[in-house]
Amino acid sequence: MRIKSILILLLFSVSLVANAQTDSASAASREYDMLFHEAMLQRHQSHHDAAFDLLMRCQELRPEASETYFFLAQYHTAMKHNEQALAAFEKAAALEPTNATYMETLSDAYIMQKRYDDAVRVVKKLYEADKSREDLLETLYNLYTNQEQYQEAIGILDQLEQNNGKTERIALAKSRLYLQLGEQEKSALAMKELMEQHPNDLNYKTLYANALMINSQREEALVLLQQVLDEEPNNIRAQVALKGYYNAEEDSAAVMEITRRILLNPKATTEDKVYQMRSLIAHNEDMGGDSTVILNLFHEMLQQPEPDPDIAELTAAYMDLKKMPRDSIAQALELVLRLAPERTSPRLHLVQFAWEADDNDSIISLCQAARQYNPEEMAFYYYQGMAYYRQNDTDHALEAFQNGISVINDNSSPDIVSDFYAVMGDLLFQKHRKREAYEAYDSCLQWKPDNIGCLNNYAYYLSTENERLDEAELMSFKTIKAEPKNATYLDTYAWILFMQGRYAEARIYIDQALQNDSTVGAVVTEHAGDIYAQAGDIEGAVAFWQKALDMEPNNKLLARKLKKKKYLRK
């Protein structure tokens, strides 16, 4: 009986241990589930540090859980821990090799680290598991071509052909790969098989002709191309291929004739025509640059029932390249605008021509039209405003600049916006709208703190108003640091120093302004007299005032200064 009792106790103890172990494992499992769930919540809420820490704890609790490694790998990738990320992706895929998501992510990771052989191995496994996924074959094709494993890439294309039949895309790709391998005959054969499968498709016959020419079978190619053009005279592909044939034969007259046919072909796209013209222009320049042939072709093209605005614009660009008379270039640009009035570049070109010719009426007219088609283009407001300004029409000038300011956006050029505000400041000050002028200058400098012209004018106007002279001095000093020989900036700085009562320093800078100004005006000369007078040199001051009065005989203040031989404020 005693032995039996001992055995019962032993069995009970073993049962307790087993139950304890089960309970412990169950508790760990519950803790894992709870922590993993919380990690996903934190991830969803973009609390990534917390999510990462929770996932690390999950990995300790359940080392065999593939999902933990998968998400940890993503965090390692984000932190650029490339080795840890790849190890985690590999672990996730090893724990659950049938999970397509894990396997694809692993292949992407291999590709990122340029481990292409490993990527190929993984993608092959994925395709073996699901052969309906042709995207995996595309991936394999790209991997092989990137590694210049052209024979393997051809094998993938063969597989795609078995699945879908011969297509132009696959045949062309296969033909190019054979060329890379130096197997011209197989390259041509790939295109021949495509042509034979689609005997009524003239484009495939043309492609085969191109392959034959590459394989030095030019006569056979010519027969095919003539067949295509007999059946469809405006087949653009065949015409381009025939041009290649004549180039190979070095038959320049035939090349020119077929080029003309392409350019006048109603089925040719704009891209076709522009490409042909650019090639022809480049060849023409190499041969001496006789523009007559090119211009005649442009003329023929633009005489067609529906001329192409791109060709008209290319004509203008070519004429500009050849430095032809501006009137001729302007006519070409005007044709572009008649065909496509919304185009910005040709109108801007015409505006620049008018600007250089001081033709303000044309500038205003061109810019007014442009504002209908291109209301967002600030350059037109600028030129229009400046044209009005040059006509002393400050009201319309200010209106143009204010309209231009209204189209400012985040993509606007800081240089242009800054200049807009600078000119507005000048106009507003001339209209005695001082507060608004200062606001415009402040806006200018917010967009471009080193706008030298604005800094000079702002500083000068502050000095004439005897306001904020310390700020004015700092602004003006920046201008003479930037351009130490600019007489206008030196005069401004000298005048600000004068207004601050720093007469000796002012004299130094006004002397520099006079030395660097080949045509000293009345204002600078009068400033020099004022500065010399306050610096104690009355004789020098009188000489400058007399020069200034000779320039401005009606300046009553100057006359009074000369009479009294002393500086007088206005």
Protein backbone atom coordinates (compact mmCIF):
# COMPACT_ATOMS: atom_id res chain seq x y z
CA MET A 1 0.00 0.00 0.00
CA ARG A 2 2.83 2.36 0.82
CA ILE A 3 4.45 1.89 -2.65
CA LYS A 4 1.13 2.51 -4.34
CA SER A 5 0.69 5.79 -2.42
CA ILE A 6 4.15 6.98 -3.40
CA LEU A 7 3.41 6.32 -7.10
CA ILE A 8 0.17 8.28 -6.92
CA LEU A 9 2.00 11.26 -5.38
CA LEU A 10 4.68 11.17 -8.10
CA LEU A 11 2.08 11.14 -10.87
CA PHE A 12 0.27 14.07 -9.25
CA SER A 13 3.53 16.07 -9.04
CA VAL A 14 4.33 15.47 -12.72
CA SER A 15 0.82 16.61 -13.62
CA LEU A 16 1.26 19.80 -11.62
CA VAL A 17 4.56 20.59 -13.40
CA ALA A 18 3.04 19.97 -16.83
CA ASN A 19 0.07 22.13 -16.03
CA ALA A 20 2.36 24.88 -14.75
CA GLN A 21 4.40 24.78 -17.95
CA THR A 22 1.23 24.92 -20.05
CA ASP A 23 -0.08 27.82 -18.02
CA SER A 24 3.27 29.64 -18.42
CA ALA A 25 3.31 29.14 -22.19
CA SER A 26 -0.30 30.27 -22.42
CA ALA A 27 0.51 33.39 -20.43
CA ALA A 28 3.47 34.19 -22.70
CA SER A 29 1.26 33.68 -25.74
CA ARG A 30 -1.38 36.02 -24.33
CA GLU A 31 1.27 38.60 -23.51
CA TYR A 32 2.66 38.33 -27.07
CA ASP A 33 -0.78 38.77 -28.63
CA MET A 34 -1.49 41.76 -26.44
CA LEU A 35 1.87 43.44 -27.15
CA PHE A 36 1.74 42.75 -30.89
CA HIS A 37 -1.78 44.20 -31.08
CA GLU A 38 -0.60 47.29 -29.19
CA ALA A 39 2.43 47.60 -31.51
CA MET A 40 0.12 47.69 -34.53
CA LEU A 41 -2.05 50.36 -32.86
CA GLN A 42 1.00 52.49 -32.13
CA ARG A 43 2.19 52.02 -35.72
CA HIS A 44 -1.21 53.08 -37.05
CA GLN A 45 -1.02 56.22 -34.91
CA SER A 46 2.51 56.96 -36.22
CA HIS A 47 4.04 56.39 -32.76
CA HIS A 48 6.90 54.52 -34.35
CA ASP A 49 9.38 54.56 -31.47
CA ALA A 50 6.81 52.87 -29.22
CA ALA A 51 5.84 50.39 -31.92
CA PHE A 52 9.49 49.44 -32.50
CA ASP A 53 10.12 48.84 -28.76
CA LEU A 54 6.98 46.70 -28.50
CA LEU A 55 8.01 44.61 -31.53
CA MET A 56 11.44 44.01 -30.03
CA ARG A 57 9.73 42.65 -26.89
CA CYS A 58 7.48 40.50 -29.09
CA GLN A 59 10.55 39.02 -30.74
CA GLU A 60 11.84 37.95 -27.30
CA LEU A 61 8.50 36.39 -26.34
CA ARG A 62 7.99 34.47 -29.58
CA PRO A 63 11.16 34.13 -31.69
CA GLU A 64 9.33 32.01 -34.26
CA ALA A 65 6.69 34.66 -35.10
CA SER A 66 7.32 35.70 -38.71
CA GLU A 67 5.11 38.80 -38.57
CA THR A 68 7.31 40.37 -35.90
CA TYR A 69 10.41 40.13 -38.11
CA PHE A 70 8.48 41.48 -41.08
CA PHE A 71 7.47 44.69 -39.32
CA LEU A 72 10.81 45.07 -37.57
CA ALA A 73 12.49 44.86 -40.97
CA GLN A 74 10.45 47.81 -42.19
CA TYR A 75 11.59 49.91 -39.24
CA HIS A 76 15.21 48.90 -39.79
CA THR A 77 14.83 49.94 -43.43
CA ALA A 78 13.47 53.34 -42.41
CA MET A 79 16.42 53.79 -40.06
CA LYS A 80 18.81 52.74 -42.85
CA HIS A 81 19.97 49.72 -40.85
CA ASN A 82 20.31 47.80 -44.08
CA GLU A 83 21.95 44.67 -42.71
CA GLN A 84 19.45 44.30 -39.85
CA ALA A 85 16.56 44.96 -42.24
CA LEU A 86 17.70 42.30 -44.70
CA ALA A 87 18.29 39.78 -41.90
CA ALA A 88 14.77 40.38 -40.58
CA PHE A 89 13.21 40.03 -44.04
CA GLU A 90 15.12 36.79 -44.56
CA LYS A 91 13.97 35.47 -41.17
CA ALA A 92 10.33 36.29 -41.89
CA ALA A 93 10.50 34.56 -45.28
CA ALA A 94 12.31 31.53 -43.81
CA LEU A 95 9.67 31.12 -41.08
CA GLU A 96 6.82 31.40 -43.59
CA PRO A 97 8.15 30.61 -47.08
CA THR A 98 4.68 30.34 -48.62
CA ASN A 99 3.81 33.93 -47.72
CA ALA A 100 4.02 35.78 -51.04
CA THR A 101 4.16 39.18 -49.39
CA TYR A 102 7.19 38.22 -47.32
CA MET A 103 8.94 36.70 -50.32
CA GLU A 104 8.29 39.69 -52.59
CA THR A 105 9.47 42.10 -49.95
CA LEU A 106 12.62 40.02 -49.53
CA SER A 107 13.27 40.12 -53.28
CA ASP A 108 12.83 43.92 -53.25
CA ALA A 109 15.31 44.13 -50.38
CA TYR A 110 17.82 42.06 -52.33
CA ILE A 111 17.36 44.31 -55.36
CA MET A 112 17.87 47.43 -53.23
CA GLN A 113 21.19 46.01 -52.07
CA LYS A 114 22.05 44.88 -55.63
CA ARG A 115 22.09 41.22 -54.66
CA TYR A 116 20.50 40.31 -57.96
CA ASP A 117 21.29 36.59 -57.89
CA ASP A 118 19.50 36.24 -54.55
CA ALA A 119 16.59 38.27 -55.90
CA VAL A 120 16.36 35.96 -58.93
CA ARG A 121 16.27 32.91 -56.66
CA VAL A 122 13.39 34.33 -54.60
CA VAL A 123 11.37 35.52 -57.61
CA LYS A 124 11.76 32.10 -59.26
CA LYS A 125 10.30 30.44 -56.16
CA LEU A 126 7.39 32.86 -56.22
CA TYR A 127 6.70 32.11 -59.88
CA GLU A 128 6.89 28.36 -59.32
CA ALA A 129 4.26 28.77 -56.62
CA ASP A 130 1.94 30.84 -58.80
CA LYS A 131 2.51 30.68 -62.55
CA SER A 132 -0.43 32.97 -63.27
CA ARG A 133 1.67 35.94 -62.17
CA GLU A 134 3.34 37.25 -65.30
CA ASP A 135 4.51 40.31 -63.40
CA LEU A 136 7.10 38.00 -61.82
CA LEU A 137 8.39 37.07 -65.27
CA GLU A 138 8.72 40.80 -66.03
CA THR A 139 10.73 41.19 -62.84
CA LEU A 140 13.00 38.31 -63.82
CA TYR A 141 13.44 39.82 -67.28
CA ASN A 142 14.51 43.15 -65.78
CA LEU A 143 16.89 41.44 -63.36
CA TYR A 144 18.56 39.49 -66.14
CA THR A 145 18.92 42.49 -68.47
CA ASN A 146 20.33 44.63 -65.64
CA GLN A 147 23.04 42.00 -65.17
CA GLU A 148 23.53 41.68 -68.94
CA GLN A 149 22.46 38.04 -68.76
CA TYR A 150 20.84 38.35 -72.16
CA GLN A 151 20.43 34.65 -72.88
CA GLU A 152 18.47 34.15 -69.65
CA ALA A 153 16.41 37.24 -70.48
CA ILE A 154 15.57 35.72 -73.87
CA GLY A 155 14.41 32.60 -72.07
CA ILE A 156 11.94 34.72 -70.08
CA LEU A 157 10.67 36.31 -73.29
CA ASP A 158 10.18 32.83 -74.76
CA GLN A 159 8.06 31.98 -71.71
CA LEU A 160 5.99 35.15 -72.19
CA GLU A 161 5.47 34.24 -75.86
CA GLN A 162 4.27 30.78 -74.88
CA ASN A 163 1.75 32.38 -72.55
CA ASN A 164 0.51 35.19 -74.81
CA GLY A 165 1.70 34.56 -78.34
CA LYS A 166 4.08 36.78 -80.32
CA THR A 167 3.70 40.52 -79.74
CA GLU A 168 5.53 43.52 -81.13
CA ARG A 169 6.92 44.44 -77.71
CA ILE A 170 8.34 40.96 -77.05
CA ALA A 171 9.68 40.56 -80.57
CA LEU A 172 11.44 43.92 -80.42
CA ALA A 173 12.89 43.16 -77.02
CA LYS A 174 14.13 39.78 -78.20
CA SER A 175 15.60 41.30 -81.34
CA ARG A 176 17.51 43.88 -79.30
CA LEU A 177 18.85 41.22 -76.95
CA TYR A 178 20.14 39.16 -79.85
CA LEU A 179 21.90 42.28 -81.12
CA GLN A 180 23.52 42.67 -77.71
CA LEU A 181 24.77 39.11 -78.07
CA GLY A 182 26.09 39.88 -81.56
CA GLU A 183 23.63 37.45 -83.17
CA GLN A 184 22.24 39.63 -85.97
CA GLU A 185 20.64 36.75 -87.84
CA LYS A 186 18.60 35.69 -84.82
CA SER A 187 17.70 39.33 -84.28
CA ALA A 188 16.28 39.55 -87.77
CA LEU A 189 14.60 36.15 -87.41
CA ALA A 190 12.68 37.35 -84.35
CA MET A 191 11.18 40.16 -86.42
CA LYS A 192 10.56 37.86 -89.39
CA GLU A 193 8.52 35.48 -87.21
CA LEU A 194 6.43 38.41 -86.01
CA MET A 195 5.86 39.59 -89.60
CA GLU A 196 4.86 36.09 -90.76
CA GLN A 197 2.40 35.78 -87.88
CA HIS A 198 0.83 39.12 -88.91
CA PRO A 199 1.27 39.19 -92.71
CA ASN A 200 -1.19 42.05 -93.25
CA ASP A 201 0.43 44.41 -90.77
CA LEU A 202 2.72 46.73 -92.71
CA ASN A 203 4.43 48.01 -89.57
CA TYR A 204 5.78 44.53 -88.83
CA LYS A 205 7.11 44.30 -92.36
CA THR A 206 8.89 47.60 -91.76
CA LEU A 207 10.35 46.36 -88.48
CA TYR A 208 11.67 43.29 -90.25
CA ALA A 209 13.21 45.53 -92.92
CA ASN A 210 15.00 47.50 -90.20
CA ALA A 211 16.35 44.26 -88.73
CA LEU A 212 17.60 43.20 -92.17
CA MET A 213 19.45 46.48 -92.60
CA ILE A 214 21.15 46.00 -89.26
CA ASN A 215 22.14 42.57 -90.52
CA SER A 216 23.64 44.21 -93.65
CA GLN A 217 20.89 42.74 -95.86
CA ARG A 218 20.04 46.13 -97.31
CA GLU A 219 18.73 45.02 -100.69
CA GLU A 220 16.24 42.62 -99.13
CA ALA A 221 15.20 45.42 -96.78
CA LEU A 222 14.68 47.83 -99.71
CA VAL A 223 12.33 45.38 -101.44
CA LEU A 224 10.18 45.14 -98.29
CA LEU A 225 10.09 48.90 -97.78
CA GLN A 226 9.07 49.52 -101.39
CA GLN A 227 6.28 46.98 -100.97
CA VAL A 228 5.03 48.83 -97.91
CA LEU A 229 5.16 52.24 -99.58
CA ASP A 230 3.48 50.95 -102.74
CA GLU A 231 0.57 49.85 -100.60
CA GLU A 232 0.64 52.83 -98.21
CA PRO A 233 2.64 55.79 -99.60
CA ASN A 234 2.41 57.81 -96.37
CA ASN A 235 3.54 55.04 -94.03
CA ILE A 236 5.79 57.13 -91.78
CA ARG A 237 7.70 54.16 -90.33
CA ALA A 238 8.60 52.91 -93.78
CA GLN A 239 9.69 56.38 -94.89
CA VAL A 240 11.96 56.76 -91.87
CA ALA A 241 13.38 53.27 -92.49
CA LEU A 242 13.96 54.14 -96.16
CA LYS A 243 15.86 57.24 -95.07
CA GLY A 244 18.09 54.90 -93.04
CA TYR A 245 18.67 52.82 -96.17
CA TYR A 246 19.69 55.87 -98.24
CA ASN A 247 21.96 57.07 -95.43
CA ALA A 248 23.69 53.71 -95.44
CA GLU A 249 24.06 53.98 -99.23
CA GLU A 250 25.40 57.54 -98.81
CA ASP A 251 22.89 58.79 -101.37
CA SER A 252 22.51 62.39 -100.13
CA ALA A 253 20.03 63.43 -102.85
CA ALA A 254 17.74 60.51 -101.99
CA VAL A 255 18.11 61.26 -98.28
CA MET A 256 17.00 64.83 -98.85
CA GLU A 257 14.03 63.80 -100.95
CA ILE A 258 12.74 61.20 -98.48
CA THR A 259 13.28 63.68 -95.63
CA ARG A 260 11.10 66.17 -97.51
CA ARG A 261 8.42 63.50 -97.94
CA ILE A 262 8.49 62.80 -94.20
CA LEU A 263 8.23 66.49 -93.33
CA LEU A 264 5.25 66.99 -95.66
CA ASN A 265 3.59 63.72 -94.70
CA PRO A 266 0.16 64.49 -93.19
CA LYS A 267 0.47 61.35 -91.04
CA ALA A 268 3.78 62.43 -89.51
CA THR A 269 3.47 63.57 -85.91
CA THR A 270 4.90 66.82 -84.62
CA GLU A 271 7.60 64.78 -82.87
CA ASP A 272 8.48 63.10 -86.19
CA LYS A 273 8.82 66.44 -87.96
CA VAL A 274 10.75 68.19 -85.21
CA TYR A 275 13.16 65.25 -84.93
CA GLN A 276 13.75 65.18 -88.67
CA MET A 277 14.28 68.94 -88.85
CA ARG A 278 16.69 68.97 -85.92
CA SER A 279 18.70 66.15 -87.50
CA LEU A 280 18.71 67.93 -90.84
CA ILE A 281 19.79 71.24 -89.29
CA ALA A 282 22.64 69.54 -87.41
CA HIS A 283 23.81 67.83 -90.63
CA ASN A 284 23.47 71.08 -92.55
CA GLU A 285 25.60 72.94 -90.00
CA ASP A 286 28.27 70.24 -90.22
CA MET A 287 28.32 70.69 -94.00
CA GLY A 288 28.79 74.47 -93.86
CA GLY A 289 25.46 75.83 -92.69
CA ASP A 290 23.71 76.81 -95.96
CA SER A 291 20.39 78.04 -94.59
CA THR A 292 18.60 78.21 -97.96
CA VAL A 293 17.69 74.52 -98.01
CA ILE A 294 16.44 74.57 -94.43
CA LEU A 295 14.39 77.74 -94.87
CA ASN A 296 12.81 76.41 -98.06
CA LEU A 297 11.72 73.27 -96.23
CA PHE A 298 10.31 75.33 -93.36
CA HIS A 299 8.43 77.45 -95.88
CA GLU A 300 6.92 74.37 -97.56
CA MET A 301 5.85 72.93 -94.24
CA LEU A 302 4.19 76.15 -93.15
CA GLN A 303 2.32 76.39 -96.45
CA GLN A 304 0.44 73.19 -95.68
CA PRO A 305 -3.35 73.45 -95.02
CA GLU A 306 -2.90 73.14 -91.22
CA PRO A 307 0.57 74.43 -90.34
CA ASP A 308 2.04 73.19 -87.08
CA PRO A 309 2.81 75.88 -84.45
CA ASP A 310 5.76 73.82 -83.21
CA ILE A 311 7.27 73.97 -86.67
CA ALA A 312 6.62 77.71 -86.82
CA GLU A 313 8.39 78.14 -83.49
CA LEU A 314 11.30 75.97 -84.65
CA THR A 315 11.50 78.16 -87.76
CA ALA A 316 11.85 81.27 -85.60
CA ALA A 317 14.48 79.57 -83.43
CA TYR A 318 16.46 78.57 -86.52
CA MET A 319 16.28 82.09 -87.92
CA ASP A 320 17.52 83.40 -84.58
CA LEU A 321 20.36 80.85 -84.67
CA LYS A 322 21.36 82.08 -88.11
CA LYS A 323 21.20 85.71 -86.87
CA MET A 324 18.71 86.71 -89.53
CA PRO A 325 17.13 90.20 -89.52
CA ARG A 326 14.86 90.81 -86.56
CA ASP A 327 11.95 91.75 -88.80
CA SER A 328 12.07 88.28 -90.35
CA ILE A 329 12.31 86.56 -86.97
CA ALA A 330 9.43 88.71 -85.68
CA GLN A 331 7.25 87.62 -88.61
CA ALA A 332 7.93 83.98 -87.76
CA LEU A 333 7.08 84.60 -84.10
CA GLU A 334 3.88 86.38 -85.06
CA LEU A 335 2.89 83.36 -87.14
CA VAL A 336 3.37 81.16 -84.06
CA LEU A 337 1.00 83.39 -82.10
CA ARG A 338 -1.59 83.34 -84.88
CA LEU A 339 -1.51 79.55 -84.79
CA ALA A 340 -1.24 79.21 -80.99
CA PRO A 341 -1.98 82.53 -79.25
CA GLU A 342 -1.61 80.96 -75.80
CA ARG A 343 2.14 80.36 -76.17
CA THR A 344 4.35 82.33 -73.80
CA SER A 345 7.84 82.02 -75.29
CA PRO A 346 7.26 83.63 -78.72
CA ARG A 347 5.34 86.53 -77.20
CA LEU A 348 8.10 87.14 -74.66
CA HIS A 349 10.59 87.07 -77.52
CA LEU A 350 8.60 89.74 -79.34
CA VAL A 351 8.36 91.79 -76.15
CA GLN A 352 12.14 91.67 -75.78
CA PHE A 353 12.57 92.82 -79.39
CA ALA A 354 10.22 95.75 -78.73
CA TRP A 355 11.97 96.54 -75.46
CA GLU A 356 15.36 96.79 -77.14
CA ALA A 357 13.81 99.00 -79.84
CA ASP A 358 12.15 101.28 -77.23
CA ASP A 359 8.83 100.46 -78.87
CA ASN A 360 6.70 100.94 -75.76
CA ASP A 361 3.36 100.88 -77.59
CA SER A 362 4.13 97.41 -78.98
CA ILE A 363 5.22 96.19 -75.55
CA ILE A 364 1.97 97.38 -73.99
CA SER A 365 -0.11 95.79 -76.75
CA LEU A 366 1.74 92.46 -76.61
CA CYS A 367 1.56 92.27 -72.83
CA GLN A 368 -2.12 93.18 -72.74
CA ALA A 369 -2.88 90.29 -75.12
CA ALA A 370 -0.63 87.98 -73.12
CA ARG A 371 -2.54 88.72 -69.93
CA GLN A 372 -5.64 87.19 -71.55
CA TYR A 373 -3.86 83.94 -72.43
CA ASN A 374 -1.18 83.75 -69.73
CA PRO A 375 -2.55 85.64 -66.71
CA GLU A 376 -0.15 83.80 -64.40
CA GLU A 377 3.04 84.91 -66.23
CA MET A 378 4.50 87.77 -64.19
CA ALA A 379 6.99 88.84 -66.85
CA PHE A 380 4.23 90.38 -68.99
CA TYR A 381 3.02 92.56 -66.11
CA TYR A 382 6.60 93.65 -65.51
CA TYR A 383 7.31 94.66 -69.11
CA GLN A 384 3.94 96.36 -69.47
CA GLY A 385 4.47 98.32 -66.27
CA MET A 386 7.97 99.36 -67.33
CA ALA A 387 6.72 100.42 -70.78
CA TYR A 388 4.12 102.67 -69.16
CA TYR A 389 6.82 103.95 -66.80
CA ARG A 390 9.05 104.85 -69.74
CA GLN A 391 6.11 106.83 -71.14
CA ASN A 392 5.78 108.64 -67.79
CA ASP A 393 2.32 107.11 -67.36
CA THR A 394 2.79 106.27 -63.71
CA ASP A 395 -0.88 105.49 -63.07
CA HIS A 396 -1.03 102.68 -65.64
CA ALA A 397 2.47 101.55 -64.68
CA LEU A 398 1.45 101.16 -61.04
CA GLU A 399 -1.74 99.35 -62.06
CA ALA A 400 0.26 96.84 -64.16
CA PHE A 401 2.64 96.12 -61.29
CA GLN A 402 -0.18 95.75 -58.77
CA ASN A 403 -1.93 93.29 -61.12
CA GLY A 404 1.32 91.35 -61.38
CA ILE A 405 1.63 91.16 -57.61
CA SER A 406 -1.83 89.61 -57.48
CA VAL A 407 -0.63 86.44 -59.25
CA ILE A 408 2.24 85.70 -56.86
CA ASN A 409 2.28 82.10 -55.64
CA ASP A 410 4.68 79.69 -53.95
CA ASN A 411 6.35 78.90 -57.27
CA SER A 412 6.99 82.53 -58.23
CA SER A 413 10.58 83.59 -58.85
CA PRO A 414 11.89 85.55 -55.84
CA ASP A 415 13.97 87.74 -58.19
CA ILE A 416 10.95 88.76 -60.27
CA VAL A 417 8.65 89.29 -57.28
CA SER A 418 11.35 91.33 -55.55
CA ASP A 419 11.77 93.57 -58.61
CA PHE A 420 8.00 94.05 -58.82
CA TYR A 421 7.85 95.38 -55.28
CA ALA A 422 10.98 97.51 -55.81
CA VAL A 423 9.53 99.32 -58.82
CA MET A 424 6.20 99.69 -57.05
CA GLY A 425 8.01 101.36 -54.17
CA ASP A 426 9.63 103.85 -56.54
CA LEU A 427 6.29 104.64 -58.21
CA LEU A 428 4.46 105.02 -54.93
CA PHE A 429 7.12 107.36 -53.56
CA GLN A 430 6.88 109.50 -56.69
CA LYS A 431 3.15 109.73 -56.02
CA HIS A 432 3.90 110.87 -52.45
CA ARG A 433 2.34 107.70 -51.02
CA LYS A 434 5.23 107.31 -48.65
CA ARG A 435 3.80 104.70 -46.26
CA GLU A 436 2.76 102.40 -49.12
CA ALA A 437 6.16 102.90 -50.77
CA TYR A 438 7.96 101.77 -47.62
CA GLU A 439 5.67 98.73 -47.37
CA ALA A 440 6.50 97.82 -50.97
CA TYR A 441 10.24 98.13 -50.28
CA ASP A 442 9.88 95.97 -47.16
CA SER A 443 8.06 93.31 -49.22
CA CYS A 444 10.80 93.48 -51.84
CA LEU A 445 13.49 92.81 -49.25
CA GLN A 446 11.51 89.95 -47.72
CA TRP A 447 11.63 88.18 -51.08
CA LYS A 448 15.24 89.11 -51.78
CA PRO A 449 17.22 90.73 -48.95
CA ASP A 450 20.12 91.60 -51.27
CA ASN A 451 18.14 93.48 -53.91
CA ILE A 452 20.76 96.20 -54.30
CA GLY A 453 18.64 98.61 -56.33
CA CYS A 454 15.87 98.51 -53.76
CA LEU A 455 18.30 98.94 -50.86
CA ASN A 456 19.74 102.05 -52.50
CA ASN A 457 16.43 103.70 -53.33
CA TYR A 458 14.86 102.83 -49.99
CA ALA A 459 17.87 104.24 -48.14
CA TYR A 460 17.95 107.40 -50.26
CA TYR A 461 14.27 108.17 -49.83
CA LEU A 462 14.55 107.66 -46.08
CA SER A 463 17.43 110.15 -46.04
CA THR A 464 15.51 112.75 -48.04
CA GLU A 465 12.72 112.44 -45.48
CA ASN A 466 15.25 112.51 -42.61
CA GLU A 467 13.75 109.27 -41.25
CA ARG A 468 15.30 106.09 -39.80
CA LEU A 469 18.78 107.26 -40.79
CA ASP A 470 20.54 104.44 -38.96
CA GLU A 471 18.57 101.84 -40.96
CA ALA A 472 19.18 103.81 -44.14
CA GLU A 473 22.94 103.87 -43.46
CA LEU A 474 23.03 100.09 -42.99
CA MET A 475 21.09 99.48 -46.20
CA SER A 476 23.22 101.87 -48.21
CA PHE A 477 26.46 100.40 -46.86
CA LYS A 478 25.40 97.01 -48.27
CA THR A 479 25.16 98.55 -51.74
CA ILE A 480 28.65 100.06 -51.75
CA LYS A 481 30.06 96.80 -50.41
CA ALA A 482 28.42 95.03 -53.34
CA GLU A 483 29.41 97.64 -55.94
CA PRO A 484 32.17 99.86 -54.51
CA LYS A 485 32.56 101.90 -57.72
CA ASN A 486 28.90 102.62 -58.37
CA ALA A 487 28.63 106.43 -58.31
CA THR A 488 24.89 106.40 -57.55
CA TYR A 489 25.33 104.15 -54.52
CA LEU A 490 28.33 106.17 -53.30
CA ASP A 491 26.32 109.38 -53.58
CA THR A 492 23.45 107.87 -51.58
CA TYR A 493 25.80 106.72 -48.84
CA ALA A 494 27.54 110.10 -48.73
CA TRP A 495 24.20 111.88 -48.46
CA ILE A 496 23.02 109.66 -45.59
CA LEU A 497 26.27 110.36 -43.72
CA PHE A 498 25.67 114.06 -44.38
CA MET A 499 22.16 113.83 -42.94
CA GLN A 500 23.65 112.13 -39.86
CA GLY A 501 26.05 115.05 -39.44
CA ARG A 502 29.10 112.93 -40.30
CA TYR A 503 30.48 115.53 -42.74
CA ALA A 504 34.12 114.44 -42.95
CA GLU A 505 33.10 110.85 -43.82
CA ALA A 506 30.46 112.13 -46.24
CA ARG A 507 33.14 114.12 -48.09
CA ILE A 508 35.26 110.99 -48.60
CA TYR A 509 32.38 109.12 -50.25
CA ILE A 510 31.09 112.03 -52.34
CA ASP A 511 34.64 112.43 -53.73
CA GLN A 512 34.59 108.73 -54.67
CA ALA A 513 31.18 109.20 -56.31
CA LEU A 514 32.54 112.09 -58.39
CA GLN A 515 35.62 110.08 -59.40
CA ASN A 516 33.49 107.16 -60.59
CA ASP A 517 30.81 109.21 -62.40
CA SER A 518 31.77 110.09 -65.96
CA THR A 519 28.66 112.26 -66.42
CA VAL A 520 28.07 113.93 -63.07
CA GLY A 521 24.51 115.26 -62.83
CA ALA A 522 23.14 118.31 -61.08
CA VAL A 523 21.87 116.40 -58.03
CA VAL A 524 25.23 114.76 -57.21
CA THR A 525 27.05 118.03 -57.87
CA GLU A 526 24.73 119.91 -55.53
CA HIS A 527 25.19 117.19 -52.90
CA ALA A 528 28.95 117.69 -53.21
CA GLY A 529 28.56 121.43 -52.62
CA ASP A 530 26.36 120.86 -49.57
CA ILE A 531 28.79 118.34 -48.09
CA TYR A 532 31.84 120.53 -48.74
CA ALA A 533 30.08 123.50 -47.14
CA GLN A 534 29.23 121.61 -43.97
CA ALA A 535 32.74 120.11 -43.90
CA GLY A 536 34.13 123.67 -43.78
CA ASP A 537 35.29 124.09 -47.42
CA ILE A 538 33.08 126.99 -48.59
CA GLU A 539 35.25 127.74 -51.61
CA GLY A 540 34.90 124.15 -52.86
CA ALA A 541 31.19 124.24 -52.08
CA VAL A 542 30.65 127.40 -54.14
CA ALA A 543 32.43 125.82 -57.11
CA PHE A 544 30.15 122.76 -57.00
CA TRP A 545 27.00 124.87 -56.53
CA GLN A 546 27.92 126.99 -59.55
CA LYS A 547 28.38 123.86 -61.70
CA ALA A 548 25.03 122.55 -60.51
CA LEU A 549 23.31 125.87 -61.25
CA ASP A 550 24.77 125.87 -64.75
CA MET A 551 23.02 122.52 -65.23
CA GLU A 552 19.77 123.70 -63.62
CA PRO A 553 19.52 127.47 -64.14
CA ASN A 554 16.03 127.64 -62.61
CA ASN A 555 17.04 126.08 -59.28
CA LYS A 556 16.22 128.91 -56.89
CA LEU A 557 17.61 127.13 -53.82
CA LEU A 558 21.00 126.78 -55.52
CA ALA A 559 20.98 130.45 -56.41
CA ARG A 560 20.30 131.36 -52.78
CA LYS A 561 23.14 129.10 -51.58
CA LEU A 562 25.54 130.83 -53.95
CA LYS A 563 24.37 134.26 -52.91
CA LYS A 564 24.68 133.54 -49.19
CA LYS A 565 27.68 131.18 -49.63
CA LYS A 566 26.33 128.69 -47.14
CA TYR A 567 24.29 125.50 -47.00
CA LEU A 568 20.53 126.03 -46.83
CA ARG A 569 17.87 123.39 -46.19
CA LYS A 570 14.87 123.21 -48.46
